[in-house]
Amino acid sequence: MPEAKLFRTLKVMEVQLTPDQKEFVRQAIQSGRLQREEGGTEALALWEERERTRAEILFAVDEAKASLARGEGRIITQQSVRDLAGEVKQRGRNRLAAEQPPAR
């Protein structure tokens, strides 16, 4: 069954919670921190955000591996780190100087 059709036909889903999860939800509802209607939606949104972040990280790792395979990597040494730090500091100084009003 195509995925889009599956989601259109899915109307009710039952999720089994552990006893600890049930107690956690019960306490959240009792305290007013969670409304019955929003609990599942909020949990799904957090999971979705985590999965998107995970996919972005995996994509970045794949891109980095491909970059290295193309020979675009850098050899990291103590000197290259010092050089990079110096470049970053100089760019920061240049930016600050550009933001300063002209001397009168």
PDB file of N, CA and C in Angstrom:
ATOM      1  N   MET A   1       0.859  -1.187   0.000  1.00  0.00           N
ATOM      2  CA  MET A   1       0.000   0.000   0.000  1.00  0.00           C
ATOM      3  C   MET A   1       0.895   1.235   0.000  1.00  0.00           C
ATOM      4  N   PRO A   2       0.672   2.191  -0.916  1.00  0.00           N
ATOM      5  CA  PRO A   2       1.482   3.407  -0.915  1.00  0.00           C
ATOM      6  C   PRO A   2       1.350   4.148   0.402  1.00  0.00           C
ATOM      7  N   GLU A   3       2.445   4.791   0.800  1.00  0.00           N
ATOM      8  CA  GLU A   3       2.502   5.464   2.098  1.00  0.00           C
ATOM      9  C   GLU A   3       1.418   6.524   2.243  1.00  0.00           C
ATOM     10  N   ALA A   4       1.206   7.345   1.216  1.00  0.00           N
ATOM     11  CA  ALA A   4       0.201   8.411   1.301  1.00  0.00           C
ATOM     12  C   ALA A   4      -1.178   7.820   1.562  1.00  0.00           C
ATOM     13  N   LYS A   5      -1.502   6.712   0.901  1.00  0.00           N
ATOM     14  CA  LYS A   5      -2.809   6.094   1.104  1.00  0.00           C
ATOM     15  C   LYS A   5      -2.926   5.539   2.518  1.00  0.00           C
ATOM     16  N   LEU A   6      -1.843   4.989   3.034  1.00  0.00           N
ATOM     17  CA  LEU A   6      -1.849   4.455   4.400  1.00  0.00           C
ATOM     18  C   LEU A   6      -2.211   5.546   5.393  1.00  0.00           C
ATOM     19  N   PHE A   7      -1.620   6.719   5.254  1.00  0.00           N
ATOM     20  CA  PHE A   7      -1.903   7.801   6.193  1.00  0.00           C
ATOM     21  C   PHE A   7      -3.318   8.336   6.039  1.00  0.00           C
ATOM     22  N   ARG A   8      -3.875   8.319   4.826  1.00  0.00           N
ATOM     23  CA  ARG A   8      -5.243   8.794   4.644  1.00  0.00           C
ATOM     24  C   ARG A   8      -6.251   7.831   5.271  1.00  0.00           C
ATOM     25  N   THR A   9      -5.934   6.556   5.281  1.00  0.00           N
ATOM     26  CA  THR A   9      -6.878   5.585   5.818  1.00  0.00           C
ATOM     27  C   THR A   9      -6.703   5.353   7.313  1.00  0.00           C
ATOM     28  N   LEU A  10      -5.583   5.772   7.868  1.00  0.00           N
ATOM     29  CA  LEU A  10      -5.317   5.588   9.293  1.00  0.00           C
ATOM     30  C   LEU A  10      -6.097   6.630  10.088  1.00  0.00           C
ATOM     31  N   LYS A  11      -7.077   6.184  10.864  1.00  0.00           N
ATOM     32  CA  LYS A  11      -7.897   7.110  11.636  1.00  0.00           C
ATOM     33  C   LYS A  11      -7.630   6.985  13.130  1.00  0.00           C
ATOM     34  N   VAL A  12      -7.385   5.776  13.602  1.00  0.00           N
ATOM     35  CA  VAL A  12      -7.158   5.556  15.023  1.00  0.00           C
ATOM     36  C   VAL A  12      -5.909   4.692  15.170  1.00  0.00           C
ATOM     37  N   MET A  13      -5.080   5.071  16.118  1.00  0.00           N
ATOM     38  CA  MET A  13      -3.893   4.280  16.398  1.00  0.00           C
ATOM     39  C   MET A  13      -3.830   4.071  17.899  1.00  0.00           C
ATOM     40  N   GLU A  14      -3.570   2.859  18.295  1.00  0.00           N
ATOM     41  CA  GLU A  14      -3.458   2.559  19.714  1.00  0.00           C
ATOM     42  C   GLU A  14      -1.998   2.403  20.069  1.00  0.00           C
ATOM     43  N   VAL A  15      -1.587   3.081  21.128  1.00  0.00           N
ATOM     44  CA  VAL A  15      -0.206   3.028  21.587  1.00  0.00           C
ATOM     45  C   VAL A  15      -0.208   2.482  23.002  1.00  0.00           C
ATOM     46  N   GLN A  16       0.629   1.488  23.250  1.00  0.00           N
ATOM     47  CA  GLN A  16       0.722   0.885  24.577  1.00  0.00           C
ATOM     48  C   GLN A  16       1.835   1.574  25.356  1.00  0.00           C
ATOM     49  N   LEU A  17       1.495   2.092  26.524  1.00  0.00           N
ATOM     50  CA  LEU A  17       2.470   2.743  27.389  1.00  0.00           C
ATOM     51  C   LEU A  17       2.879   1.793  28.504  1.00  0.00           C
ATOM     52  N   THR A  18       4.094   1.962  28.969  1.00  0.00           N
ATOM     53  CA  THR A  18       4.539   1.183  30.120  1.00  0.00           C
ATOM     54  C   THR A  18       3.840   1.757  31.359  1.00  0.00           C
ATOM     55  N   PRO A  19       3.805   1.005  32.454  1.00  0.00           N
ATOM     56  CA  PRO A  19       3.199   1.551  33.678  1.00  0.00           C
ATOM     57  C   PRO A  19       3.845   2.867  34.110  1.00  0.00           C
ATOM     58  N   ASP A  20       5.167   2.987  33.990  1.00  0.00           N
ATOM     59  CA  ASP A  20       5.842   4.238  34.354  1.00  0.00           C
ATOM     60  C   ASP A  20       5.401   5.384  33.446  1.00  0.00           C
ATOM     61  N   GLN A  21       5.256   5.109  32.169  1.00  0.00           N
ATOM     62  CA  GLN A  21       4.809   6.141  31.240  1.00  0.00           C
ATOM     63  C   GLN A  21       3.379   6.577  31.553  1.00  0.00           C
ATOM     64  N   LYS A  22       2.539   5.620  31.867  1.00  0.00           N
ATOM     65  CA  LYS A  22       1.150   5.952  32.218  1.00  0.00           C
ATOM     66  C   LYS A  22       1.102   6.851  33.447  1.00  0.00           C
ATOM     67  N   GLU A  23       1.911   6.523  34.451  1.00  0.00           N
ATOM     68  CA  GLU A  23       1.950   7.331  35.674  1.00  0.00           C
ATOM     69  C   GLU A  23       2.479   8.723  35.373  1.00  0.00           C
ATOM     70  N   PHE A  24       3.488   8.818  34.545  1.00  0.00           N
ATOM     71  CA  PHE A  24       4.053  10.107  34.160  1.00  0.00           C
ATOM     72  C   PHE A  24       2.986  10.974  33.482  1.00  0.00           C
ATOM     73  N   VAL A  25       2.239  10.391  32.555  1.00  0.00           N
ATOM     74  CA  VAL A  25       1.183  11.119  31.845  1.00  0.00           C
ATOM     75  C   VAL A  25       0.070  11.512  32.817  1.00  0.00           C
ATOM     76  N   ARG A  26      -0.325  10.580  33.700  1.00  0.00           N
ATOM     77  CA  ARG A  26      -1.377  10.872  34.671  1.00  0.00           C
ATOM     78  C   ARG A  26      -0.993  12.062  35.544  1.00  0.00           C
ATOM     79  N   GLN A  27       0.243  12.073  36.030  1.00  0.00           N
ATOM     80  CA  GLN A  27       0.696  13.181  36.873  1.00  0.00           C
ATOM     81  C   GLN A  27       0.752  14.499  36.092  1.00  0.00           C
ATOM     82  N   ALA A  28       1.161  14.436  34.851  1.00  0.00           N
ATOM     83  CA  ALA A  28       1.228  15.653  34.031  1.00  0.00           C
ATOM     84  C   ALA A  28      -0.172  16.215  33.791  1.00  0.00           C
ATOM     85  N   ILE A  29      -1.140  15.359  33.570  1.00  0.00           N
ATOM     86  CA  ILE A  29      -2.525  15.807  33.366  1.00  0.00           C
ATOM     87  C   ILE A  29      -3.077  16.382  34.669  1.00  0.00           C
ATOM     88  N   GLN A  30      -2.855  15.671  35.791  1.00  0.00           N
ATOM     89  CA  GLN A  30      -3.342  16.143  37.091  1.00  0.00           C
ATOM     90  C   GLN A  30      -2.776  17.508  37.451  1.00  0.00           C
ATOM     91  N   SER A  31      -1.511  17.728  37.140  1.00  0.00           N
ATOM     92  CA  SER A  31      -0.877  18.987  37.502  1.00  0.00           C
ATOM     93  C   SER A  31      -1.231  20.120  36.533  1.00  0.00           C
ATOM     94  N   GLY A  32      -1.844  19.773  35.424  1.00  0.00           N
ATOM     95  CA  GLY A  32      -2.208  20.789  34.437  1.00  0.00           C
ATOM     96  C   GLY A  32      -1.113  21.093  33.434  1.00  0.00           C
ATOM     97  N   ARG A  33       0.008  20.412  33.530  1.00  0.00           N
ATOM     98  CA  ARG A  33       1.100  20.642  32.580  1.00  0.00           C
ATOM     99  C   ARG A  33       0.789  20.054  31.213  1.00  0.00           C
ATOM    100  N   LEU A  34      -0.169  19.140  31.160  1.00  0.00           N
ATOM    101  CA  LEU A  34      -0.494  18.458  29.912  1.00  0.00           C
ATOM    102  C   LEU A  34      -1.999  18.346  29.780  1.00  0.00           C
ATOM    103  N   GLN A  35      -2.514  18.738  28.638  1.00  0.00           N
ATOM    104  CA  GLN A  35      -3.928  18.548  28.328  1.00  0.00           C
ATOM    105  C   GLN A  35      -4.065  17.207  27.619  1.00  0.00           C
ATOM    106  N   ARG A  36      -5.138  16.517  27.846  1.00  0.00           N
ATOM    107  CA  ARG A  36      -5.318  15.190  27.264  1.00  0.00           C
ATOM    108  C   ARG A  36      -5.130  15.188  25.749  1.00  0.00           C
ATOM    109  N   GLU A  37      -5.652  16.207  25.084  1.00  0.00           N
ATOM    110  CA  GLU A  37      -5.620  16.231  23.628  1.00  0.00           C
ATOM    111  C   GLU A  37      -4.227  16.495  23.072  1.00  0.00           C
ATOM    112  N   GLU A  38      -3.390  17.207  23.815  1.00  0.00           N
ATOM    113  CA  GLU A  38      -2.109  17.637  23.254  1.00  0.00           C
ATOM    114  C   GLU A  38      -0.965  16.674  23.520  1.00  0.00           C
ATOM    115  N   GLY A  39      -1.118  15.747  24.411  1.00  0.00           N
ATOM    116  CA  GLY A  39      -0.014  14.867  24.797  1.00  0.00           C
ATOM    117  C   GLY A  39       0.576  14.092  23.639  1.00  0.00           C
ATOM    118  N   GLY A  40      -0.249  13.412  22.895  1.00  0.00           N
ATOM    119  CA  GLY A  40       0.240  12.630  21.757  1.00  0.00           C
ATOM    120  C   GLY A  40       0.824  13.512  20.679  1.00  0.00           C
ATOM    121  N   THR A  41       0.175  14.631  20.423  1.00  0.00           N
ATOM    122  CA  THR A  41       0.651  15.551  19.403  1.00  0.00           C
ATOM    123  C   THR A  41       2.010  16.121  19.782  1.00  0.00           C
ATOM    124  N   GLU A  42       2.158  16.518  21.032  1.00  0.00           N
ATOM    125  CA  GLU A  42       3.433  17.078  21.499  1.00  0.00           C
ATOM    126  C   GLU A  42       4.537  16.029  21.433  1.00  0.00           C
ATOM    127  N   ALA A  43       4.237  14.824  21.856  1.00  0.00           N
ATOM    128  CA  ALA A  43       5.236  13.752  21.813  1.00  0.00           C
ATOM    129  C   ALA A  43       5.651  13.464  20.375  1.00  0.00           C
ATOM    130  N   LEU A  44       4.689  13.425  19.473  1.00  0.00           N
ATOM    131  CA  LEU A  44       4.997  13.172  18.074  1.00  0.00           C
ATOM    132  C   LEU A  44       5.828  14.306  17.482  1.00  0.00           C
ATOM    133  N   ALA A  45       5.520  15.542  17.829  1.00  0.00           N
ATOM    134  CA  ALA A  45       6.282  16.685  17.317  1.00  0.00           C
ATOM    135  C   ALA A  45       7.735  16.632  17.802  1.00  0.00           C
ATOM    136  N   LEU A  46       7.941  16.279  19.075  1.00  0.00           N
ATOM    137  CA  LEU A  46       9.304  16.163  19.601  1.00  0.00           C
ATOM    138  C   LEU A  46      10.067  15.041  18.914  1.00  0.00           C
ATOM    139  N   TRP A  47       9.404  13.924  18.699  1.00  0.00           N
ATOM    140  CA  TRP A  47      10.035  12.792  18.017  1.00  0.00           C
ATOM    141  C   TRP A  47      10.376  13.166  16.578  1.00  0.00           C
ATOM    142  N   GLU A  48       9.438  13.840  15.921  1.00  0.00           N
ATOM    143  CA  GLU A  48       9.658  14.266  14.544  1.00  0.00           C
ATOM    144  C   GLU A  48      10.865  15.216  14.462  1.00  0.00           C
ATOM    145  N   GLU A  49      10.960  16.157  15.396  1.00  0.00           N
ATOM    146  CA  GLU A  49      12.089  17.089  15.431  1.00  0.00           C
ATOM    147  C   GLU A  49      13.400  16.335  15.630  1.00  0.00           C
ATOM    148  N   ARG A  50      13.398  15.374  16.529  1.00  0.00           N
ATOM    149  CA  ARG A  50      14.602  14.576  16.784  1.00  0.00           C
ATOM    150  C   ARG A  50      15.003  13.779  15.551  1.00  0.00           C
ATOM    151  N   GLU A  51      14.037  13.207  14.862  1.00  0.00           N
ATOM    152  CA  GLU A  51      14.330  12.425  13.662  1.00  0.00           C
ATOM    153  C   GLU A  51      14.845  13.309  12.529  1.00  0.00           C
ATOM    154  N   ARG A  52      14.299  14.520  12.408  1.00  0.00           N
ATOM    155  CA  ARG A  52      14.798  15.456  11.382  1.00  0.00           C
ATOM    156  C   ARG A  52      16.241  15.850  11.684  1.00  0.00           C
ATOM    157  N   THR A  53      16.524  16.123  12.947  1.00  0.00           N
ATOM    158  CA  THR A  53      17.889  16.470  13.342  1.00  0.00           C
ATOM    159  C   THR A  53      18.831  15.315  13.058  1.00  0.00           C
ATOM    160  N   ARG A  54      18.394  14.112  13.373  1.00  0.00           N
ATOM    161  CA  ARG A  54      19.196  12.907  13.109  1.00  0.00           C
ATOM    162  C   ARG A  54      19.483  12.775  11.622  1.00  0.00           C
ATOM    163  N   ALA A  55      18.459  12.983  10.785  1.00  0.00           N
ATOM    164  CA  ALA A  55      18.632  12.892   9.334  1.00  0.00           C
ATOM    165  C   ALA A  55      19.613  13.958   8.841  1.00  0.00           C
ATOM    166  N   GLU A  56      19.535  15.162   9.398  1.00  0.00           N
ATOM    167  CA  GLU A  56      20.465  16.233   9.008  1.00  0.00           C
ATOM    168  C   GLU A  56      21.897  15.868   9.375  1.00  0.00           C
ATOM    169  N   ILE A  57      22.077  15.291  10.556  1.00  0.00           N
ATOM    170  CA  ILE A  57      23.426  14.885  10.986  1.00  0.00           C
ATOM    171  C   ILE A  57      23.961  13.789  10.076  1.00  0.00           C
ATOM    172  N   LEU A  58      23.128  12.797   9.778  1.00  0.00           N
ATOM    173  CA  LEU A  58      23.564  11.714   8.898  1.00  0.00           C
ATOM    174  C   LEU A  58      23.903  12.241   7.507  1.00  0.00           C
ATOM    175  N   PHE A  59      23.120  13.197   7.007  1.00  0.00           N
ATOM    176  CA  PHE A  59      23.392  13.799   5.707  1.00  0.00           C
ATOM    177  C   PHE A  59      24.735  14.527   5.745  1.00  0.00           C
ATOM    178  N   ALA A  60      24.987  15.286   6.822  1.00  0.00           N
ATOM    179  CA  ALA A  60      26.249  16.019   6.953  1.00  0.00           C
ATOM    180  C   ALA A  60      27.429  15.051   7.005  1.00  0.00           C
ATOM    181  N   VAL A  61      27.267  13.933   7.697  1.00  0.00           N
ATOM    182  CA  VAL A  61      28.334  12.935   7.760  1.00  0.00           C
ATOM    183  C   VAL A  61      28.587  12.356   6.368  1.00  0.00           C
ATOM    184  N   ASP A  62      27.516  12.048   5.635  1.00  0.00           N
ATOM    185  CA  ASP A  62      27.672  11.536   4.272  1.00  0.00           C
ATOM    186  C   ASP A  62      28.375  12.552   3.378  1.00  0.00           C
ATOM    187  N   GLU A  63      27.999  13.822   3.518  1.00  0.00           N
ATOM    188  CA  GLU A  63      28.640  14.883   2.737  1.00  0.00           C
ATOM    189  C   GLU A  63      30.120  14.993   3.086  1.00  0.00           C
ATOM    190  N   ALA A  64      30.440  14.898   4.367  1.00  0.00           N
ATOM    191  CA  ALA A  64      31.839  14.975   4.795  1.00  0.00           C
ATOM    192  C   ALA A  64      32.639  13.800   4.236  1.00  0.00           C
ATOM    193  N   LYS A  65      32.058  12.600   4.272  1.00  0.00           N
ATOM    194  CA  LYS A  65      32.746  11.427   3.721  1.00  0.00           C
ATOM    195  C   LYS A  65      32.983  11.594   2.228  1.00  0.00           C
ATOM    196  N   ALA A  66      31.980  12.108   1.519  1.00  0.00           N
ATOM    197  CA  ALA A  66      32.123  12.319   0.079  1.00  0.00           C
ATOM    198  C   ALA A  66      33.196  13.366  -0.199  1.00  0.00           C
ATOM    199  N   SER A  67      33.235  14.402   0.619  1.00  0.00           N
ATOM    200  CA  SER A  67      34.242  15.447   0.470  1.00  0.00           C
ATOM    201  C   SER A  67      35.645  14.871   0.663  1.00  0.00           C
ATOM    202  N   LEU A  68      35.796  14.036   1.671  1.00  0.00           N
ATOM    203  CA  LEU A  68      37.092  13.401   1.911  1.00  0.00           C
ATOM    204  C   LEU A  68      37.471  12.483   0.756  1.00  0.00           C
ATOM    205  N   ALA A  69      36.490  11.751   0.230  1.00  0.00           N
ATOM    206  CA  ALA A  69      36.744  10.856  -0.897  1.00  0.00           C
ATOM    207  C   ALA A  69      37.194  11.636  -2.130  1.00  0.00           C
ATOM    208  N   ARG A  70      36.737  12.878  -2.266  1.00  0.00           N
ATOM    209  CA  ARG A  70      37.147  13.724  -3.391  1.00  0.00           C
ATOM    210  C   ARG A  70      38.481  14.411  -3.123  1.00  0.00           C
ATOM    211  N   GLY A  71      39.073  14.137  -1.968  1.00  0.00           N
ATOM    212  CA  GLY A  71      40.359  14.736  -1.637  1.00  0.00           C
ATOM    213  C   GLY A  71      40.250  16.159  -1.128  1.00  0.00           C
ATOM    214  N   GLU A  72      39.083  16.548  -0.647  1.00  0.00           N
ATOM    215  CA  GLU A  72      38.873  17.909  -0.184  1.00  0.00           C
ATOM    216  C   GLU A  72      39.107  18.091   1.317  1.00  0.00           C
ATOM    217  N   GLY A  73      39.600  17.068   1.965  1.00  0.00           N
ATOM    218  CA  GLY A  73      39.801  17.141   3.406  1.00  0.00           C
ATOM    219  C   GLY A  73      41.021  17.977   3.767  1.00  0.00           C
ATOM    220  N   ARG A  74      41.130  18.292   5.019  1.00  0.00           N
ATOM    221  CA  ARG A  74      42.280  19.024   5.546  1.00  0.00           C
ATOM    222  C   ARG A  74      42.999  18.138   6.556  1.00  0.00           C
ATOM    223  N   ILE A  75      44.299  18.223   6.543  1.00  0.00           N
ATOM    224  CA  ILE A  75      45.070  17.530   7.567  1.00  0.00           C
ATOM    225  C   ILE A  75      45.119  18.457   8.773  1.00  0.00           C
ATOM    226  N   ILE A  76      44.708  17.951   9.913  1.00  0.00           N
ATOM    227  CA  ILE A  76      44.641  18.749  11.138  1.00  0.00           C
ATOM    228  C   ILE A  76      45.908  18.499  11.954  1.00  0.00           C
ATOM    229  N   THR A  77      46.620  19.575  12.203  1.00  0.00           N
ATOM    230  CA  THR A  77      47.814  19.525  13.054  1.00  0.00           C
ATOM    231  C   THR A  77      47.685  20.643  14.072  1.00  0.00           C
ATOM    232  N   GLN A  78      48.580  20.659  15.025  1.00  0.00           N
ATOM    233  CA  GLN A  78      48.555  21.751  15.997  1.00  0.00           C
ATOM    234  C   GLN A  78      48.762  23.085  15.295  1.00  0.00           C
ATOM    235  N   GLN A  79      49.631  23.105  14.307  1.00  0.00           N
ATOM    236  CA  GLN A  79      49.891  24.344  13.583  1.00  0.00           C
ATOM    237  C   GLN A  79      48.680  24.764  12.763  1.00  0.00           C
ATOM    238  N   SER A  80      48.005  23.817  12.122  1.00  0.00           N
ATOM    239  CA  SER A  80      46.837  24.195  11.311  1.00  0.00           C
ATOM    240  C   SER A  80      45.719  24.736  12.205  1.00  0.00           C
ATOM    241  N   VAL A  81      45.592  24.217  13.416  1.00  0.00           N
ATOM    242  CA  VAL A  81      44.590  24.723  14.352  1.00  0.00           C
ATOM    243  C   VAL A  81      44.970  26.140  14.790  1.00  0.00           C
ATOM    244  N   ARG A  82      46.248  26.369  15.063  1.00  0.00           N
ATOM    245  CA  ARG A  82      46.698  27.721  15.418  1.00  0.00           C
ATOM    246  C   ARG A  82      46.459  28.694  14.264  1.00  0.00           C
ATOM    247  N   ASP A  83      46.762  28.241  13.037  1.00  0.00           N
ATOM    248  CA  ASP A  83      46.543  29.092  11.862  1.00  0.00           C
ATOM    249  C   ASP A  83      45.064  29.434  11.702  1.00  0.00           C
ATOM    250  N   LEU A  84      44.209  28.422  11.865  1.00  0.00           N
ATOM    251  CA  LEU A  84      42.770  28.651  11.755  1.00  0.00           C
ATOM    252  C   LEU A  84      42.293  29.622  12.821  1.00  0.00           C
ATOM    253  N   ALA A  85      42.763  29.439  14.058  1.00  0.00           N
ATOM    254  CA  ALA A  85      42.380  30.351  15.144  1.00  0.00           C
ATOM    255  C   ALA A  85      42.815  31.775  14.809  1.00  0.00           C
ATOM    256  N   GLY A  86      44.027  31.925  14.258  1.00  0.00           N
ATOM    257  CA  GLY A  86      44.504  33.250  13.874  1.00  0.00           C
ATOM    258  C   GLY A  86      43.637  33.873  12.785  1.00  0.00           C
ATOM    259  N   GLU A  87      43.223  33.045  11.816  1.00  0.00           N
ATOM    260  CA  GLU A  87      42.348  33.545  10.740  1.00  0.00           C
ATOM    261  C   GLU A  87      41.002  33.999  11.299  1.00  0.00           C
ATOM    262  N   VAL A  88      40.445  33.220  12.207  1.00  0.00           N
ATOM    263  CA  VAL A  88      39.150  33.569  12.808  1.00  0.00           C
ATOM    264  C   VAL A  88      39.276  34.864  13.597  1.00  0.00           C
ATOM    265  N   LYS A  89      40.355  34.988  14.375  1.00  0.00           N
ATOM    266  CA  LYS A  89      40.569  36.215  15.154  1.00  0.00           C
ATOM    267  C   LYS A  89      40.707  37.416  14.223  1.00  0.00           C
ATOM    268  N   GLN A  90      41.458  37.261  13.127  1.00  0.00           N
ATOM    269  CA  GLN A  90      41.655  38.375  12.209  1.00  0.00           C
ATOM    270  C   GLN A  90      40.343  38.783  11.542  1.00  0.00           C
ATOM    271  N   ARG A  91      39.525  37.802  11.160  1.00  0.00           N
ATOM    272  CA  ARG A  91      38.205  38.127  10.569  1.00  0.00           C
ATOM    273  C   ARG A  91      37.347  38.871  11.576  1.00  0.00           C
ATOM    274  N   GLY A  92      37.414  38.455  12.841  1.00  0.00           N
ATOM    275  CA  GLY A  92      36.660  39.148  13.890  1.00  0.00           C
ATOM    276  C   GLY A  92      37.142  40.574  14.069  1.00  0.00           C
ATOM    277  N   ARG A  93      38.451  40.758  14.073  1.00  0.00           N
ATOM    278  CA  ARG A  93      39.011  42.118  14.193  1.00  0.00           C
ATOM    279  C   ARG A  93      38.595  42.989  13.006  1.00  0.00           C
ATOM    280  N   ASN A  94      38.652  42.398  11.818  1.00  0.00           N
ATOM    281  CA  ASN A  94      38.249  43.142  10.617  1.00  0.00           C
ATOM    282  C   ASN A  94      36.777  43.541  10.685  1.00  0.00           C
ATOM    283  N   ARG A  95      35.952  42.631  11.158  1.00  0.00           N
ATOM    284  CA  ARG A  95      34.521  42.932  11.272  1.00  0.00           C
ATOM    285  C   ARG A  95      34.278  44.045  12.287  1.00  0.00           C
ATOM    286  N   LEU A  96      34.943  43.953  13.432  1.00  0.00           N
ATOM    287  CA  LEU A  96      34.802  45.004  14.444  1.00  0.00           C
ATOM    288  C   LEU A  96      35.266  46.353  13.907  1.00  0.00           C
ATOM    289  N   ALA A  97      36.384  46.350  13.200  1.00  0.00           N
ATOM    290  CA  ALA A  97      36.906  47.605  12.641  1.00  0.00           C
ATOM    291  C   ALA A  97      35.925  48.193  11.630  1.00  0.00           C
ATOM    292  N   ALA A  98      35.290  47.334  10.843  1.00  0.00           N
ATOM    293  CA  ALA A  98      34.342  47.806   9.837  1.00  0.00           C
ATOM    294  C   ALA A  98      33.078  48.372  10.490  1.00  0.00           C
ATOM    295  N   GLU A  99      32.748  47.890  11.666  1.00  0.00           N
ATOM    296  CA  GLU A  99      31.542  48.357  12.374  1.00  0.00           C
ATOM    297  C   GLU A  99      31.773  49.641  13.145  1.00  0.00           C
ATOM    298  N   GLN A 100      33.023  50.020  13.360  1.00  0.00           N
ATOM    299  CA  GLN A 100      33.342  51.241  14.125  1.00  0.00           C
ATOM    300  C   GLN A 100      33.067  52.463  13.259  1.00  0.00           C
ATOM    301  N   PRO A 101      32.523  53.502  13.887  1.00  0.00           N
ATOM    302  CA  PRO A 101      32.310  54.744  13.126  1.00  0.00           C
ATOM    303  C   PRO A 101      33.667  55.345  12.754  1.00  0.00           C
ATOM    304  N   PRO A 102      33.712  56.057  11.625  1.00  0.00           N
ATOM    305  CA  PRO A 102      34.983  56.649  11.206  1.00  0.00           C
ATOM    306  C   PRO A 102      35.523  57.621  12.263  1.00  0.00           C
ATOM    307  N   ALA A 103      36.826  57.640  12.421  1.00  0.00           N
ATOM    308  CA  ALA A 103      37.467  58.553  13.395  1.00  0.00           C
ATOM    309  C   ALA A 103      37.337  59.992  12.889  1.00  0.00           C
ATOM    310  N   ARG A 104      37.097  60.917  13.813  1.00  0.00           N
ATOM    311  CA  ARG A 104      36.945  62.337  13.420  1.00  0.00           C
ATOM    312  C   ARG A 104      38.195  63.086  13.637  1.00  0.00           C
TER     313      ARG A 104
END
